[in-house]
Amino acid sequence: MRFAVVGAGGIGGYFGGKLAANGVDVVFIARGKTLQALRRSGLRVDSINGDFVVPKVSATDDPATAGKVDAVLVTVKAWQIPSAIGRLAPMLHRDTAVIPLENGMTAPEEIARLLGKEHALGGLCGIVSYVVEPGHIRHAAVDPQVMFGELDNARSARVIRISEVFNGAGIHTEVPPDIHRSMWTKFLFIAPYSAIGATTRVPIGIWRSMPETRQLAMTAVREVLAVAVAHGVTLADDAFQKTLERYDGLAADATPSLQRDVMEGKPSELEAQVGAVVRMGSEAGVPTPVFDTLYAALLPQERRARGES
């Protein structure tokens, strides 16, 4: 199979690099300094599971020149999806799968709208990784894993083939019975984590140990649960407790990518995570007072980072 990876940051650089290092045909869609670095010196990944280097990388900034692929991994930030995938049509054949690995819930809808519903899958990943410099990725925590599936949850031939390639490259991969439920389970974890981290600007080890902010997190998790139920998604009975256990299991100095972007003055996934809870709650008539407040508190800096104020 042939893969394209849109974006070569912390997520795309790791998973695309892992595939390429294990002999899979991968082309990276990148630009600017990242594209230059990939062409000049390949891709380097420092990992808690073992470092590796891909000395020669196929990379381009023009999807029309990349040729047809069987699967596309979309690994840019959620707010970059429309501009990132709008030019991918020349790479797709009838059965090409486009798999989003972003945080948030809207990527499959955007893929279906821009490229056709026949190409859109649901997906998510688990990893803590970031860019040291263009072409150099550091995998710092979490055993990497990928989940994806057809939006109707069918175990299609293409999903099975893609999962076999991932597993063959040493990436723990799962095709869950219900990809929507799996995406909501991650969203239940990431949205409160991002919102509270970005607002408090301290690592999780501090805010999870303080009664005031821990209670805030618990209320935020309950708000996301209520929104999920209102949208017809029933999560596991122990989803609330498991989410808190995941918070407690993170390294004390851990921070989510949204928080890091906010603290660095960069555009973030605020709308795809915190804003999404507010919007989905409003649509369903579900009160989300914690998310309303945290979203309002973070919005001024987000607009400033985007040059809108």
C-alpha atoms as a PDB file:
ATOM      1  CA  MET A   1       0.000   0.000   0.000  1.00  0.00           C
ATOM      2  CA  ARG A   2       1.024   3.590  -0.559  1.00  0.00           C
ATOM      3  CA  PHE A   3       0.452   6.255   2.107  1.00  0.00           C
ATOM      4  CA  ALA A   4       0.452  10.045   2.148  1.00  0.00           C
ATOM      5  CA  VAL A   5       0.977  11.974   5.362  1.00  0.00           C
ATOM      6  CA  VAL A   6      -0.338  15.523   5.409  1.00  0.00           C
ATOM      7  CA  GLY A   7       1.865  17.370   7.865  1.00  0.00           C
ATOM      8  CA  ALA A   8       5.203  16.268   9.310  1.00  0.00           C
ATOM      9  CA  GLY A   9       4.884  17.633  12.828  1.00  0.00           C
ATOM     10  CA  GLY A  10       4.832  15.688  16.072  1.00  0.00           C
ATOM     11  CA  ILE A  11       2.108  13.259  14.994  1.00  0.00           C
ATOM     12  CA  GLY A  12       2.667  12.994  11.246  1.00  0.00           C
ATOM     13  CA  GLY A  13       6.425  12.928  11.635  1.00  0.00           C
ATOM     14  CA  TYR A  14       6.252  10.070  14.104  1.00  0.00           C
ATOM     15  CA  PHE A  15       3.647   7.837  12.467  1.00  0.00           C
ATOM     16  CA  GLY A  16       4.729   8.606   8.904  1.00  0.00           C
ATOM     17  CA  GLY A  17       8.340   8.108   9.882  1.00  0.00           C
ATOM     18  CA  LYS A  18       7.587   4.823  11.618  1.00  0.00           C
ATOM     19  CA  LEU A  19       5.832   3.531   8.513  1.00  0.00           C
ATOM     20  CA  ALA A  20       8.632   4.673   6.208  1.00  0.00           C
ATOM     21  CA  ALA A  21      11.332   3.250   8.486  1.00  0.00           C
ATOM     22  CA  ASN A  22       9.661  -0.138   8.162  1.00  0.00           C
ATOM     23  CA  GLY A  23       9.612  -0.150   4.391  1.00  0.00           C
ATOM     24  CA  VAL A  24       6.177   1.326   3.677  1.00  0.00           C
ATOM     25  CA  ASP A  25       5.906   3.645   0.667  1.00  0.00           C
ATOM     26  CA  VAL A  26       5.135   7.047   2.229  1.00  0.00           C
ATOM     27  CA  VAL A  27       5.005  10.524   0.731  1.00  0.00           C
ATOM     28  CA  PHE A  28       4.856  13.543   3.034  1.00  0.00           C
ATOM     29  CA  ILE A  29       2.883  16.622   2.057  1.00  0.00           C
ATOM     30  CA  ALA A  30       4.795  19.436   3.731  1.00  0.00           C
ATOM     31  CA  ARG A  31       5.943  22.973   3.104  1.00  0.00           C
ATOM     32  CA  GLY A  32       8.465  25.632   4.047  1.00  0.00           C
ATOM     33  CA  LYS A  33      11.341  24.738   6.347  1.00  0.00           C
ATOM     34  CA  THR A  34       9.887  21.323   7.087  1.00  0.00           C
ATOM     35  CA  LEU A  35       9.851  20.401   3.407  1.00  0.00           C
ATOM     36  CA  GLN A  36      13.392  21.686   2.979  1.00  0.00           C
ATOM     37  CA  ALA A  37      14.622  19.670   5.964  1.00  0.00           C
ATOM     38  CA  LEU A  38      12.951  16.461   4.796  1.00  0.00           C
ATOM     39  CA  ARG A  39      14.486  16.793   1.345  1.00  0.00           C
ATOM     40  CA  ARG A  40      17.905  17.734   2.678  1.00  0.00           C
ATOM     41  CA  SER A  41      18.454  15.307   5.543  1.00  0.00           C
ATOM     42  CA  GLY A  42      15.410  13.064   5.891  1.00  0.00           C
ATOM     43  CA  LEU A  43      13.502  12.514   9.111  1.00  0.00           C
ATOM     44  CA  ARG A  44      14.893  11.892  12.591  1.00  0.00           C
ATOM     45  CA  VAL A  45      12.742  10.607  15.459  1.00  0.00           C
ATOM     46  CA  ASP A  46      13.960  10.417  19.051  1.00  0.00           C
ATOM     47  CA  SER A  47      11.632   8.017  20.850  1.00  0.00           C
ATOM     48  CA  ILE A  48      11.249   6.521  24.304  1.00  0.00           C
ATOM     49  CA  ASN A  49      10.737   3.246  22.412  1.00  0.00           C
ATOM     50  CA  GLY A  50      13.932   3.580  20.391  1.00  0.00           C
ATOM     51  CA  ASP A  51      15.293   6.291  18.098  1.00  0.00           C
ATOM     52  CA  PHE A  52      15.214   5.920  14.332  1.00  0.00           C
ATOM     53  CA  VAL A  53      16.164   7.840  11.208  1.00  0.00           C
ATOM     54  CA  VAL A  54      14.680   7.799   7.712  1.00  0.00           C
ATOM     55  CA  PRO A  55      17.605   9.158   5.671  1.00  0.00           C
ATOM     56  CA  LYS A  56      15.701   9.543   2.408  1.00  0.00           C
ATOM     57  CA  VAL A  57      12.147  10.864   2.483  1.00  0.00           C
ATOM     58  CA  SER A  58       9.674  11.406  -0.325  1.00  0.00           C
ATOM     59  CA  ALA A  59       8.164  14.853   0.228  1.00  0.00           C
ATOM     60  CA  THR A  60       6.395  17.514  -1.791  1.00  0.00           C
ATOM     61  CA  ASP A  61       4.312  20.645  -1.328  1.00  0.00           C
ATOM     62  CA  ASP A  62       2.219  19.868  -4.413  1.00  0.00           C
ATOM     63  CA  PRO A  63      -0.214  16.942  -4.013  1.00  0.00           C
ATOM     64  CA  ALA A  64      -0.817  16.929  -7.768  1.00  0.00           C
ATOM     65  CA  THR A  65       2.746  15.634  -8.265  1.00  0.00           C
ATOM     66  CA  ALA A  66       2.640  12.960  -5.559  1.00  0.00           C
ATOM     67  CA  GLY A  67       0.759  10.273  -7.462  1.00  0.00           C
ATOM     68  CA  LYS A  68      -2.137   8.137  -6.267  1.00  0.00           C
ATOM     69  CA  VAL A  69      -2.175   6.759  -2.730  1.00  0.00           C
ATOM     70  CA  ASP A  70      -4.256   4.178  -0.886  1.00  0.00           C
ATOM     71  CA  ALA A  71      -4.476   6.025   2.427  1.00  0.00           C
ATOM     72  CA  VAL A  72      -3.985   9.595   3.601  1.00  0.00           C
ATOM     73  CA  LEU A  73      -3.150  10.425   7.213  1.00  0.00           C
ATOM     74  CA  VAL A  74      -4.262  13.962   8.043  1.00  0.00           C
ATOM     75  CA  THR A  75      -2.084  15.104  10.942  1.00  0.00           C
ATOM     76  CA  VAL A  76      -2.220  18.903  10.815  1.00  0.00           C
ATOM     77  CA  LYS A  77      -3.941  20.953  13.510  1.00  0.00           C
ATOM     78  CA  ALA A  78      -7.730  20.779  13.399  1.00  0.00           C
ATOM     79  CA  TRP A  79      -8.078  24.390  12.244  1.00  0.00           C
ATOM     80  CA  GLN A  80      -5.711  23.735   9.330  1.00  0.00           C
ATOM     81  CA  ILE A  81      -7.768  20.892   7.829  1.00  0.00           C
ATOM     82  CA  PRO A  82      -9.719  22.854   5.184  1.00  0.00           C
ATOM     83  CA  SER A  83      -6.629  24.415   3.643  1.00  0.00           C
ATOM     84  CA  ALA A  84      -4.539  21.256   4.052  1.00  0.00           C
ATOM     85  CA  ILE A  85      -6.864  18.783   2.361  1.00  0.00           C
ATOM     86  CA  GLY A  86      -8.506  21.023  -0.205  1.00  0.00           C
ATOM     87  CA  ARG A  87      -5.806  20.168  -2.765  1.00  0.00           C
ATOM     88  CA  LEU A  88      -5.644  16.404  -2.174  1.00  0.00           C
ATOM     89  CA  ALA A  89      -8.136  15.267  -4.830  1.00  0.00           C
ATOM     90  CA  PRO A  90      -5.436  14.422  -7.453  1.00  0.00           C
ATOM     91  CA  MET A  91      -3.964  11.867  -5.017  1.00  0.00           C
ATOM     92  CA  LEU A  92      -7.164   9.926  -4.494  1.00  0.00           C
ATOM     93  CA  HIS A  93      -8.433   6.908  -6.350  1.00  0.00           C
ATOM     94  CA  ARG A  94     -11.898   5.453  -5.890  1.00  0.00           C
ATOM     95  CA  ASP A  95     -11.020   3.534  -2.708  1.00  0.00           C
ATOM     96  CA  THR A  96      -8.541   5.899  -1.048  1.00  0.00           C
ATOM     97  CA  ALA A  97      -9.152   6.276   2.691  1.00  0.00           C
ATOM     98  CA  VAL A  98      -8.568   9.650   4.333  1.00  0.00           C
ATOM     99  CA  ILE A  99      -7.951   9.223   8.066  1.00  0.00           C
ATOM    100  CA  PRO A 100      -7.874  12.211  10.434  1.00  0.00           C
ATOM    101  CA  LEU A 101      -5.670  11.916  13.532  1.00  0.00           C
ATOM    102  CA  GLU A 102      -6.528  15.324  15.005  1.00  0.00           C
ATOM    103  CA  ASN A 103      -8.128  16.139  18.333  1.00  0.00           C
ATOM    104  CA  GLY A 104     -11.803  17.047  18.023  1.00  0.00           C
ATOM    105  CA  MET A 105     -14.927  15.631  16.429  1.00  0.00           C
ATOM    106  CA  THR A 106     -15.465  17.504  13.169  1.00  0.00           C
ATOM    107  CA  ALA A 107     -12.644  16.271  10.915  1.00  0.00           C
ATOM    108  CA  PRO A 108     -14.608  13.404   9.272  1.00  0.00           C
ATOM    109  CA  GLU A 109     -17.379  15.835   8.317  1.00  0.00           C
ATOM    110  CA  GLU A 110     -14.870  18.242   6.791  1.00  0.00           C
ATOM    111  CA  ILE A 111     -13.184  15.458   4.831  1.00  0.00           C
ATOM    112  CA  ALA A 112     -16.545  14.248   3.516  1.00  0.00           C
ATOM    113  CA  ARG A 113     -17.526  17.776   2.534  1.00  0.00           C
ATOM    114  CA  LEU A 114     -14.266  18.587   0.761  1.00  0.00           C
ATOM    115  CA  LEU A 115     -13.264  15.241  -0.732  1.00  0.00           C
ATOM    116  CA  GLY A 116     -16.420  13.124  -0.758  1.00  0.00           C
ATOM    117  CA  LYS A 117     -17.995  10.952   1.907  1.00  0.00           C
ATOM    118  CA  GLU A 118     -16.677   7.789   0.261  1.00  0.00           C
ATOM    119  CA  HIS A 119     -13.154   8.795   1.319  1.00  0.00           C
ATOM    120  CA  ALA A 120     -13.893   9.901   4.901  1.00  0.00           C
ATOM    121  CA  LEU A 121     -13.023   7.712   7.870  1.00  0.00           C
ATOM    122  CA  GLY A 122     -12.995   8.439  11.576  1.00  0.00           C
ATOM    123  CA  GLY A 123      -9.726   8.277  13.438  1.00  0.00           C
ATOM    124  CA  LEU A 124      -7.680   9.197  16.478  1.00  0.00           C
ATOM    125  CA  CYS A 125      -4.264   8.556  17.940  1.00  0.00           C
ATOM    126  CA  GLY A 126      -2.504   8.483  21.272  1.00  0.00           C
ATOM    127  CA  ILE A 127       1.024   9.855  21.604  1.00  0.00           C
ATOM    128  CA  VAL A 128       2.936  12.722  23.190  1.00  0.00           C
ATOM    129  CA  SER A 129       5.336  14.007  20.549  1.00  0.00           C
ATOM    130  CA  TYR A 130       6.536  17.337  19.265  1.00  0.00           C
ATOM    131  CA  VAL A 131       8.856  19.050  16.800  1.00  0.00           C
ATOM    132  CA  VAL A 132      12.378  19.725  18.069  1.00  0.00           C
ATOM    133  CA  GLU A 133      13.204  21.408  14.767  1.00  0.00           C
ATOM    134  CA  PRO A 134      12.011  20.824  11.205  1.00  0.00           C
ATOM    135  CA  GLY A 135      12.592  17.186  10.311  1.00  0.00           C
ATOM    136  CA  HIS A 136      13.375  16.231  13.917  1.00  0.00           C
ATOM    137  CA  ILE A 137      10.604  14.768  16.103  1.00  0.00           C
ATOM    138  CA  ARG A 138      10.697  13.754  19.749  1.00  0.00           C
ATOM    139  CA  HIS A 139       8.313  11.084  21.041  1.00  0.00           C
ATOM    140  CA  ALA A 140       8.315  11.891  24.754  1.00  0.00           C
ATOM    141  CA  ALA A 141       5.557   9.810  26.339  1.00  0.00           C
ATOM    142  CA  VAL A 142       2.681   7.343  25.833  1.00  0.00           C
ATOM    143  CA  ASP A 143       2.889   4.083  23.914  1.00  0.00           C
ATOM    144  CA  PRO A 144       1.809   5.185  20.406  1.00  0.00           C
ATOM    145  CA  GLN A 145      -1.480   3.841  19.125  1.00  0.00           C
ATOM    146  CA  VAL A 146      -3.881   4.527  16.280  1.00  0.00           C
ATOM    147  CA  MET A 147      -7.597   3.824  15.952  1.00  0.00           C
ATOM    148  CA  PHE A 148      -9.657   4.296  12.810  1.00  0.00           C
ATOM    149  CA  GLY A 149     -12.727   2.964  11.087  1.00  0.00           C
ATOM    150  CA  GLU A 150     -15.422   3.480   8.501  1.00  0.00           C
ATOM    151  CA  LEU A 151     -18.061   5.986   9.555  1.00  0.00           C
ATOM    152  CA  ASP A 152     -20.724   3.260   9.322  1.00  0.00           C
ATOM    153  CA  ASN A 153     -18.446   0.970  11.401  1.00  0.00           C
ATOM    154  CA  ALA A 154     -18.189  -1.609   8.598  1.00  0.00           C
ATOM    155  CA  ARG A 155     -15.032  -3.736   8.706  1.00  0.00           C
ATOM    156  CA  SER A 156     -14.154  -2.937   5.123  1.00  0.00           C
ATOM    157  CA  ALA A 157     -11.327  -4.514   3.178  1.00  0.00           C
ATOM    158  CA  ARG A 158      -9.436  -1.212   3.055  1.00  0.00           C
ATOM    159  CA  VAL A 159      -9.623  -0.733   6.819  1.00  0.00           C
ATOM    160  CA  ILE A 160      -8.308  -4.237   7.412  1.00  0.00           C
ATOM    161  CA  ARG A 161      -5.465  -3.740   4.917  1.00  0.00           C
ATOM    162  CA  ILE A 162      -4.437  -0.408   6.436  1.00  0.00           C
ATOM    163  CA  SER A 163      -4.488  -1.816   9.977  1.00  0.00           C
ATOM    164  CA  GLU A 164      -2.285  -4.718   8.862  1.00  0.00           C
ATOM    165  CA  VAL A 165       0.264  -2.270   7.455  1.00  0.00           C
ATOM    166  CA  PHE A 166       0.299  -0.240  10.681  1.00  0.00           C
ATOM    167  CA  ASN A 167       0.673  -3.300  12.870  1.00  0.00           C
ATOM    168  CA  GLY A 168       3.354  -4.645  10.564  1.00  0.00           C
ATOM    169  CA  ALA A 169       5.306  -1.423  11.110  1.00  0.00           C
ATOM    170  CA  GLY A 170       5.154  -1.884  14.876  1.00  0.00           C
ATOM    171  CA  ILE A 171       2.374   0.637  15.525  1.00  0.00           C
ATOM    172  CA  HIS A 172      -0.340  -0.595  17.865  1.00  0.00           C
ATOM    173  CA  THR A 173      -3.517  -0.282  15.811  1.00  0.00           C
ATOM    174  CA  GLU A 174      -7.156  -0.981  16.527  1.00  0.00           C
ATOM    175  CA  VAL A 175     -10.301  -0.945  14.411  1.00  0.00           C
ATOM    176  CA  PRO A 176     -12.906  -0.411  17.155  1.00  0.00           C
ATOM    177  CA  PRO A 177     -16.485  -1.693  16.902  1.00  0.00           C
ATOM    178  CA  ASP A 178     -17.741   1.913  16.994  1.00  0.00           C
ATOM    179  CA  ILE A 179     -15.309   4.596  15.819  1.00  0.00           C
ATOM    180  CA  HIS A 180     -17.651   7.393  16.910  1.00  0.00           C
ATOM    181  CA  ARG A 181     -17.709   6.106  20.470  1.00  0.00           C
ATOM    182  CA  SER A 182     -13.914   5.840  20.450  1.00  0.00           C
ATOM    183  CA  MET A 183     -13.550   9.397  19.173  1.00  0.00           C
ATOM    184  CA  TRP A 184     -15.936  10.682  21.837  1.00  0.00           C
ATOM    185  CA  THR A 185     -13.997   8.761  24.506  1.00  0.00           C
ATOM    186  CA  LYS A 186     -10.818  10.582  23.519  1.00  0.00           C
ATOM    187  CA  PHE A 187     -12.687  13.881  23.252  1.00  0.00           C
ATOM    188  CA  LEU A 188     -13.987  13.344  26.787  1.00  0.00           C
ATOM    189  CA  PHE A 189     -10.366  13.174  27.915  1.00  0.00           C
ATOM    190  CA  ILE A 190      -8.733  15.837  25.769  1.00  0.00           C
ATOM    191  CA  ALA A 191     -11.261  18.701  25.861  1.00  0.00           C
ATOM    192  CA  PRO A 192     -11.276  19.259  29.658  1.00  0.00           C
ATOM    193  CA  TYR A 193      -7.524  18.595  29.836  1.00  0.00           C
ATOM    194  CA  SER A 194      -6.851  21.218  27.171  1.00  0.00           C
ATOM    195  CA  ALA A 195      -9.313  23.781  28.506  1.00  0.00           C
ATOM    196  CA  ILE A 196      -8.082  23.695  32.089  1.00  0.00           C
ATOM    197  CA  GLY A 197      -4.410  23.469  31.166  1.00  0.00           C
ATOM    198  CA  ALA A 198      -4.640  26.406  28.759  1.00  0.00           C
ATOM    199  CA  THR A 199      -6.498  28.536  31.277  1.00  0.00           C
ATOM    200  CA  THR A 200      -4.367  27.763  34.355  1.00  0.00           C
ATOM    201  CA  ARG A 201      -1.112  27.547  32.357  1.00  0.00           C
ATOM    202  CA  VAL A 202       0.341  24.997  34.754  1.00  0.00           C
ATOM    203  CA  PRO A 203       1.187  21.308  34.203  1.00  0.00           C
ATOM    204  CA  ILE A 204      -1.422  18.713  35.048  1.00  0.00           C
ATOM    205  CA  GLY A 205       0.420  17.638  38.192  1.00  0.00           C
ATOM    206  CA  ILE A 206      -0.453  20.988  39.759  1.00  0.00           C
ATOM    207  CA  TRP A 207      -4.089  21.428  38.756  1.00  0.00           C
ATOM    208  CA  ARG A 208      -5.144  17.812  39.342  1.00  0.00           C
ATOM    209  CA  SER A 209      -3.816  17.954  42.925  1.00  0.00           C
ATOM    210  CA  MET A 210      -5.663  21.145  43.899  1.00  0.00           C
ATOM    211  CA  PRO A 211      -9.240  20.563  45.115  1.00  0.00           C
ATOM    212  CA  GLU A 212     -10.567  23.618  43.284  1.00  0.00           C
ATOM    213  CA  THR A 213      -9.215  22.810  39.842  1.00  0.00           C
ATOM    214  CA  ARG A 214      -9.766  19.073  40.221  1.00  0.00           C
ATOM    215  CA  GLN A 215     -13.428  19.781  40.891  1.00  0.00           C
ATOM    216  CA  LEU A 216     -13.469  22.032  37.856  1.00  0.00           C
ATOM    217  CA  ALA A 217     -12.104  19.168  35.758  1.00  0.00           C
ATOM    218  CA  MET A 218     -14.683  16.744  37.128  1.00  0.00           C
ATOM    219  CA  THR A 219     -17.504  19.117  36.248  1.00  0.00           C
ATOM    220  CA  ALA A 220     -16.051  19.688  32.778  1.00  0.00           C
ATOM    221  CA  VAL A 221     -15.882  15.937  32.134  1.00  0.00           C
ATOM    222  CA  ARG A 222     -19.530  15.599  33.172  1.00  0.00           C
ATOM    223  CA  GLU A 223     -20.469  18.378  30.745  1.00  0.00           C
ATOM    224  CA  VAL A 224     -18.844  16.551  27.827  1.00  0.00           C
ATOM    225  CA  LEU A 225     -20.589  13.329  28.878  1.00  0.00           C
ATOM    226  CA  ALA A 226     -23.941  15.108  28.854  1.00  0.00           C
ATOM    227  CA  VAL A 227     -23.264  16.582  25.401  1.00  0.00           C
ATOM    228  CA  ALA A 228     -22.313  13.159  24.067  1.00  0.00           C
ATOM    229  CA  VAL A 229     -25.526  11.599  25.350  1.00  0.00           C
ATOM    230  CA  ALA A 230     -27.556  14.439  23.834  1.00  0.00           C
ATOM    231  CA  HIS A 231     -25.917  13.668  20.480  1.00  0.00           C
ATOM    232  CA  GLY A 232     -26.906  10.027  20.688  1.00  0.00           C
ATOM    233  CA  VAL A 233     -23.579   8.619  21.877  1.00  0.00           C
ATOM    234  CA  THR A 234     -23.535   6.360  24.925  1.00  0.00           C
ATOM    235  CA  LEU A 235     -20.084   5.987  26.416  1.00  0.00           C
ATOM    236  CA  ALA A 236     -18.970   3.270  28.820  1.00  0.00           C
ATOM    237  CA  ASP A 237     -20.499   3.275  32.290  1.00  0.00           C
ATOM    238  CA  ASP A 238     -17.064   3.905  33.799  1.00  0.00           C
ATOM    239  CA  ALA A 239     -16.062   6.611  31.275  1.00  0.00           C
ATOM    240  CA  PHE A 240     -16.053   9.346  33.930  1.00  0.00           C
ATOM    241  CA  GLN A 241     -13.833   7.391  36.321  1.00  0.00           C
ATOM    242  CA  LYS A 242     -11.538   6.149  33.568  1.00  0.00           C
ATOM    243  CA  THR A 243     -10.987   9.716  32.359  1.00  0.00           C
ATOM    244  CA  LEU A 244      -9.962  10.849  35.839  1.00  0.00           C
ATOM    245  CA  GLU A 245      -7.650   7.849  36.096  1.00  0.00           C
ATOM    246  CA  ARG A 246      -6.024   8.862  32.823  1.00  0.00           C
ATOM    247  CA  TYR A 247      -5.413  12.341  34.201  1.00  0.00           C
ATOM    248  CA  ASP A 248      -3.877  10.882  37.344  1.00  0.00           C
ATOM    249  CA  GLY A 249      -1.695   8.563  35.276  1.00  0.00           C
ATOM    250  CA  LEU A 250      -0.047  11.329  33.262  1.00  0.00           C
ATOM    251  CA  ALA A 251       3.407  12.592  34.169  1.00  0.00           C
ATOM    252  CA  ALA A 252       3.199  15.521  36.553  1.00  0.00           C
ATOM    253  CA  ASP A 253       4.787  17.888  34.042  1.00  0.00           C
ATOM    254  CA  ALA A 254       2.473  16.899  31.166  1.00  0.00           C
ATOM    255  CA  THR A 255       0.670  19.565  29.145  1.00  0.00           C
ATOM    256  CA  PRO A 256      -1.641  19.205  26.113  1.00  0.00           C
ATOM    257  CA  SER A 257      -0.686  20.653  22.738  1.00  0.00           C
ATOM    258  CA  LEU A 258      -3.479  23.235  22.895  1.00  0.00           C
ATOM    259  CA  GLN A 259      -2.033  24.590  26.132  1.00  0.00           C
ATOM    260  CA  ARG A 260       1.468  24.740  24.676  1.00  0.00           C
ATOM    261  CA  ASP A 261       0.208  26.619  21.628  1.00  0.00           C
ATOM    262  CA  VAL A 262      -1.646  29.130  23.809  1.00  0.00           C
ATOM    263  CA  MET A 263       1.379  29.679  26.029  1.00  0.00           C
ATOM    264  CA  GLU A 264       3.558  30.234  22.957  1.00  0.00           C
ATOM    265  CA  GLY A 265       1.098  32.736  21.491  1.00  0.00           C
ATOM    266  CA  LYS A 266       0.249  30.498  18.524  1.00  0.00           C
ATOM    267  CA  PRO A 267      -3.150  29.754  16.976  1.00  0.00           C
ATOM    268  CA  SER A 268      -4.585  26.722  18.750  1.00  0.00           C
ATOM    269  CA  GLU A 269      -7.326  24.103  18.470  1.00  0.00           C
ATOM    270  CA  LEU A 270      -9.539  26.149  20.796  1.00  0.00           C
ATOM    271  CA  GLU A 271     -12.509  26.066  18.416  1.00  0.00           C
ATOM    272  CA  ALA A 272     -12.182  22.345  17.680  1.00  0.00           C
ATOM    273  CA  GLN A 273     -12.040  21.378  21.340  1.00  0.00           C
ATOM    274  CA  VAL A 274     -13.339  23.922  23.858  1.00  0.00           C
ATOM    275  CA  GLY A 275     -15.510  25.849  21.418  1.00  0.00           C
ATOM    276  CA  ALA A 276     -16.898  22.603  20.028  1.00  0.00           C
ATOM    277  CA  VAL A 277     -18.262  21.600  23.438  1.00  0.00           C
ATOM    278  CA  VAL A 278     -19.928  25.007  23.770  1.00  0.00           C
ATOM    279  CA  ARG A 279     -21.479  24.807  20.297  1.00  0.00           C
ATOM    280  CA  MET A 280     -22.619  21.195  20.559  1.00  0.00           C
ATOM    281  CA  GLY A 281     -24.070  21.851  24.000  1.00  0.00           C
ATOM    282  CA  SER A 282     -25.973  24.866  22.712  1.00  0.00           C
ATOM    283  CA  GLU A 283     -27.310  22.900  19.741  1.00  0.00           C
ATOM    284  CA  ALA A 284     -28.581  20.132  22.007  1.00  0.00           C
ATOM    285  CA  GLY A 285     -29.890  22.389  24.765  1.00  0.00           C
ATOM    286  CA  VAL A 286     -27.308  21.060  27.251  1.00  0.00           C
ATOM    287  CA  PRO A 287     -25.826  23.618  29.688  1.00  0.00           C
ATOM    288  CA  THR A 288     -22.013  23.767  29.651  1.00  0.00           C
ATOM    289  CA  PRO A 289     -21.180  26.547  32.141  1.00  0.00           C
ATOM    290  CA  VAL A 290     -17.590  25.461  32.790  1.00  0.00           C
ATOM    291  CA  PHE A 291     -16.751  25.251  29.096  1.00  0.00           C
ATOM    292  CA  ASP A 292     -18.623  28.497  28.413  1.00  0.00           C
ATOM    293  CA  THR A 293     -16.432  30.277  30.943  1.00  0.00           C
ATOM    294  CA  LEU A 294     -13.128  28.711  29.900  1.00  0.00           C
ATOM    295  CA  TYR A 295     -13.867  29.320  26.220  1.00  0.00           C
ATOM    296  CA  ALA A 296     -14.681  32.986  26.900  1.00  0.00           C
ATOM    297  CA  ALA A 297     -11.484  33.343  28.939  1.00  0.00           C
ATOM    298  CA  LEU A 298      -9.299  31.869  26.181  1.00  0.00           C
ATOM    299  CA  LEU A 299     -10.966  33.500  23.195  1.00  0.00           C
ATOM    300  CA  PRO A 300      -9.262  36.936  23.373  1.00  0.00           C
ATOM    301  CA  GLN A 301      -5.772  35.470  23.123  1.00  0.00           C
ATOM    302  CA  GLU A 302      -6.857  33.080  20.376  1.00  0.00           C
ATOM    303  CA  ARG A 303      -8.125  35.981  18.288  1.00  0.00           C
ATOM    304  CA  ARG A 304      -4.954  37.911  18.965  1.00  0.00           C
ATOM    305  CA  ALA A 305      -2.830  34.920  17.892  1.00  0.00           C
ATOM    306  CA  ARG A 306      -4.800  34.831  14.636  1.00  0.00           C
ATOM    307  CA  GLY A 307      -4.394  38.562  14.078  1.00  0.00           C
ATOM    308  CA  GLU A 308      -8.111  39.202  14.558  1.00  0.00           C
ATOM    309  CA  SER A 309      -7.800  41.769  17.348  1.00  0.00           C
END
